[in-house]
């Protein structure tokens, strides 16, 4: 039962994050020029791609 609650909670957080990012993208698209919006989205994409790579050398196990 505890695993089911944890799964639902994790799934809800993922959905909420996707909705927030979509709202943030729409907000930026409305206030920035095309060039600036493209630059911001490129920076977000690079940070998203490099984030997991930067964590490869760290021990992230919990004890």
C-alpha atoms as a PDB file:
ATOM      1  CA  UNK A   1       0.000   0.000   0.000  1.00  0.00           C
ATOM      2  CA  UNK A   2       2.833   2.368   0.833  1.00  0.00           C
ATOM      3  CA  UNK A   3       4.405   1.718  -2.561  1.00  0.00           C
ATOM      4  CA  UNK A   4       1.147   2.605  -4.306  1.00  0.00           C
ATOM      5  CA  UNK A   5       0.932   5.923  -2.458  1.00  0.00           C
ATOM      6  CA  UNK A   6       4.546   6.701  -3.287  1.00  0.00           C
ATOM      7  CA  UNK A   7       3.961   5.889  -6.947  1.00  0.00           C
ATOM      8  CA  UNK A   8       0.897   8.113  -7.154  1.00  0.00           C
ATOM      9  CA  UNK A   9       2.749  10.925  -5.422  1.00  0.00           C
ATOM     10  CA  UNK A  10       5.754  10.622  -7.766  1.00  0.00           C
ATOM     11  CA  UNK A  11       3.494  10.520 -10.828  1.00  0.00           C
ATOM     12  CA  UNK A  12       1.590  13.584  -9.618  1.00  0.00           C
ATOM     13  CA  UNK A  13       4.837  15.502  -9.154  1.00  0.00           C
ATOM     14  CA  UNK A  14       5.912  14.589 -12.707  1.00  0.00           C
ATOM     15  CA  UNK A  15       2.584  15.758 -14.150  1.00  0.00           C
ATOM     16  CA  UNK A  16       2.690  18.987 -12.123  1.00  0.00           C
ATOM     17  CA  UNK A  17       6.250  19.655 -13.305  1.00  0.00           C
ATOM     18  CA  UNK A  18       5.263  19.163 -16.934  1.00  0.00           C
ATOM     19  CA  UNK A  19       2.302  21.519 -16.550  1.00  0.00           C
ATOM     20  CA  UNK A  20       4.435  24.162 -14.855  1.00  0.00           C
ATOM     21  CA  UNK A  21       7.091  23.949 -17.565  1.00  0.00           C
ATOM     22  CA  UNK A  22       4.423  24.266 -20.252  1.00  0.00           C
ATOM     23  CA  UNK A  23       2.963  27.337 -18.548  1.00  0.00           C
ATOM     24  CA  UNK A  24       6.464  28.812 -18.162  1.00  0.00           C
ATOM     25  CA  UNK A  25       7.190  28.215 -21.858  1.00  0.00           C
ATOM     26  CA  UNK A  26       3.953  29.899 -22.906  1.00  0.00           C
ATOM     27  CA  UNK A  27       4.676  32.829 -20.593  1.00  0.00           C
ATOM     28  CA  UNK A  28       8.174  33.270 -22.035  1.00  0.00           C
ATOM     29  CA  UNK A  29       6.908  32.937 -25.605  1.00  0.00           C
ATOM     30  CA  UNK A  30       4.512  35.808 -25.025  1.00  0.00           C
ATOM     31  CA  UNK A  31       6.958  38.231 -23.398  1.00  0.00           C
ATOM     32  CA  UNK A  32      10.213  37.519 -25.289  1.00  0.00           C
ATOM     33  CA  UNK A  33      11.170  37.974 -28.912  1.00  0.00           C
ATOM     34  CA  UNK A  34      11.703  34.869 -31.039  1.00  0.00           C
ATOM     35  CA  UNK A  35      15.480  35.099 -30.788  1.00  0.00           C
ATOM     36  CA  UNK A  36      15.453  35.538 -27.013  1.00  0.00           C
ATOM     37  CA  UNK A  37      12.945  32.728 -26.545  1.00  0.00           C
ATOM     38  CA  UNK A  38      15.075  30.406 -28.655  1.00  0.00           C
ATOM     39  CA  UNK A  39      18.151  31.292 -26.613  1.00  0.00           C
ATOM     40  CA  UNK A  40      16.362  30.585 -23.324  1.00  0.00           C
ATOM     41  CA  UNK A  41      14.969  27.263 -24.556  1.00  0.00           C
ATOM     42  CA  UNK A  42      18.404  26.267 -25.880  1.00  0.00           C
ATOM     43  CA  UNK A  43      19.961  27.042 -22.492  1.00  0.00           C
ATOM     44  CA  UNK A  44      17.285  24.989 -20.719  1.00  0.00           C
ATOM     45  CA  UNK A  45      17.824  22.081 -23.128  1.00  0.00           C
ATOM     46  CA  UNK A  46      21.599  22.133 -22.613  1.00  0.00           C
ATOM     47  CA  UNK A  47      21.223  22.288 -18.823  1.00  0.00           C
ATOM     48  CA  UNK A  48      18.723  19.426 -18.933  1.00  0.00           C
ATOM     49  CA  UNK A  49      21.046  17.315 -21.079  1.00  0.00           C
ATOM     50  CA  UNK A  50      24.181  18.034 -19.037  1.00  0.00           C
ATOM     51  CA  UNK A  51      22.582  17.627 -15.607  1.00  0.00           C
ATOM     52  CA  UNK A  52      22.596  13.807 -15.515  1.00  0.00           C
ATOM     53  CA  UNK A  53      26.061  13.696 -17.096  1.00  0.00           C
ATOM     54  CA  UNK A  54      27.444  15.882 -14.306  1.00  0.00           C
ATOM     55  CA  UNK A  55      26.088  13.465 -11.692  1.00  0.00           C
ATOM     56  CA  UNK A  56      27.692  10.331 -13.153  1.00  0.00           C
ATOM     57  CA  UNK A  57      30.712  10.392 -10.848  1.00  0.00           C
ATOM     58  CA  UNK A  58      28.841  10.930  -7.581  1.00  0.00           C
ATOM     59  CA  UNK A  59      27.635   8.202  -5.256  1.00  0.00           C
ATOM     60  CA  UNK A  60      23.925   8.853  -4.873  1.00  0.00           C
ATOM     61  CA  UNK A  61      22.968   5.750  -2.926  1.00  0.00           C
ATOM     62  CA  UNK A  62      21.042   6.233   0.273  1.00  0.00           C
ATOM     63  CA  UNK A  63      21.911   4.318   3.399  1.00  0.00           C
END
